[in-house]
Amino acid sequence: MSIGFDLCALDFSPIKGPEGNIEYLIHLKKSENEAGENLGGLDPVIVSDRAFETLAKQHA
């Protein structure tokens, strides 16, 4: 988050985009420090893995 934003929330859309891509929803807020923080303790890799697993089940 070195661009000056705090990560407040991160999730994926349960509906794939028009090209079949996974779309993510992110809630950022302007940080008081330049580095920014992960306020929710969210791991983007875990969110991404969960998105692939969930959406693969929908299309199986």
Protein backbone atom coordinates (compact mmCIF):
# COMPACT_ATOMS: atom_id res chain seq x y z
CA MET A 1 0.00 0.00 0.00
CA SER A 2 2.94 2.28 -0.67
CA ILE A 3 0.74 4.66 -2.68
CA GLY A 4 -0.78 6.26 0.42
CA PHE A 5 -3.99 4.27 0.87
CA ASP A 6 -5.19 1.94 3.61
CA LEU A 7 -6.83 -1.32 2.57
CA CYS A 8 -10.15 -1.52 4.43
CA ALA A 9 -11.87 -4.39 2.60
CA LEU A 10 -11.30 -6.72 -0.33
CA ASP A 11 -13.69 -9.23 -1.89
CA PHE A 12 -14.63 -10.63 -5.28
CA SER A 13 -17.81 -10.31 -7.27
CA PRO A 14 -19.88 -13.52 -7.38
CA ILE A 15 -20.60 -12.74 -11.04
CA LYS A 16 -17.87 -13.02 -13.66
CA GLY A 17 -17.27 -10.12 -16.03
CA PRO A 18 -18.39 -10.16 -19.68
CA GLU A 19 -15.13 -11.79 -20.81
CA GLY A 20 -15.26 -14.39 -18.02
CA ASN A 21 -12.82 -12.48 -15.85
CA ILE A 22 -13.02 -12.32 -12.06
CA GLU A 23 -13.75 -8.84 -10.78
CA TYR A 24 -12.63 -7.66 -7.37
CA LEU A 25 -14.14 -5.06 -5.07
CA ILE A 26 -11.72 -3.04 -2.98
CA HIS A 27 -12.39 -0.43 -0.31
CA LEU A 28 -9.50 1.99 0.15
CA LYS A 29 -9.19 5.15 2.20
CA LYS A 30 -6.57 7.85 2.10
CA SER A 31 -3.90 6.98 4.64
CA GLU A 32 -2.44 9.33 7.17
CA ASN A 33 1.00 7.86 6.38
CA GLU A 34 2.60 7.53 2.99
CA ALA A 35 2.97 3.76 3.29
CA GLY A 36 -0.65 2.87 4.06
CA GLU A 37 -1.79 -0.18 6.00
CA ASN A 38 -3.80 -3.35 5.60
CA LEU A 39 -6.45 -2.51 8.20
CA GLY A 40 -8.46 -5.69 7.81
CA GLY A 41 -5.51 -8.07 7.90
CA LEU A 42 -6.67 -9.27 4.48
CA ASP A 43 -4.46 -11.49 2.35
CA PRO A 44 -5.05 -10.80 -1.36
CA VAL A 45 -3.76 -14.27 -2.28
CA ILE A 46 -6.36 -15.94 -0.03
CA VAL A 47 -9.15 -13.76 -1.48
CA SER A 48 -8.01 -14.62 -5.00
CA ASP A 49 -7.83 -18.36 -4.24
CA ARG A 50 -11.32 -18.24 -2.69
CA ALA A 51 -12.64 -16.46 -5.80
CA PHE A 52 -11.25 -19.12 -8.14
CA GLU A 53 -12.60 -21.96 -5.97
CA THR A 54 -16.06 -20.41 -5.59
CA LEU A 55 -16.50 -19.45 -9.22
CA ALA A 56 -15.18 -22.81 -10.46
CA LYS A 57 -17.91 -24.57 -8.43
CA GLN A 58 -20.58 -22.37 -10.03
CA HIS A 59 -19.52 -23.43 -13.52
CA ALA A 60 -18.88 -27.13 -12.82
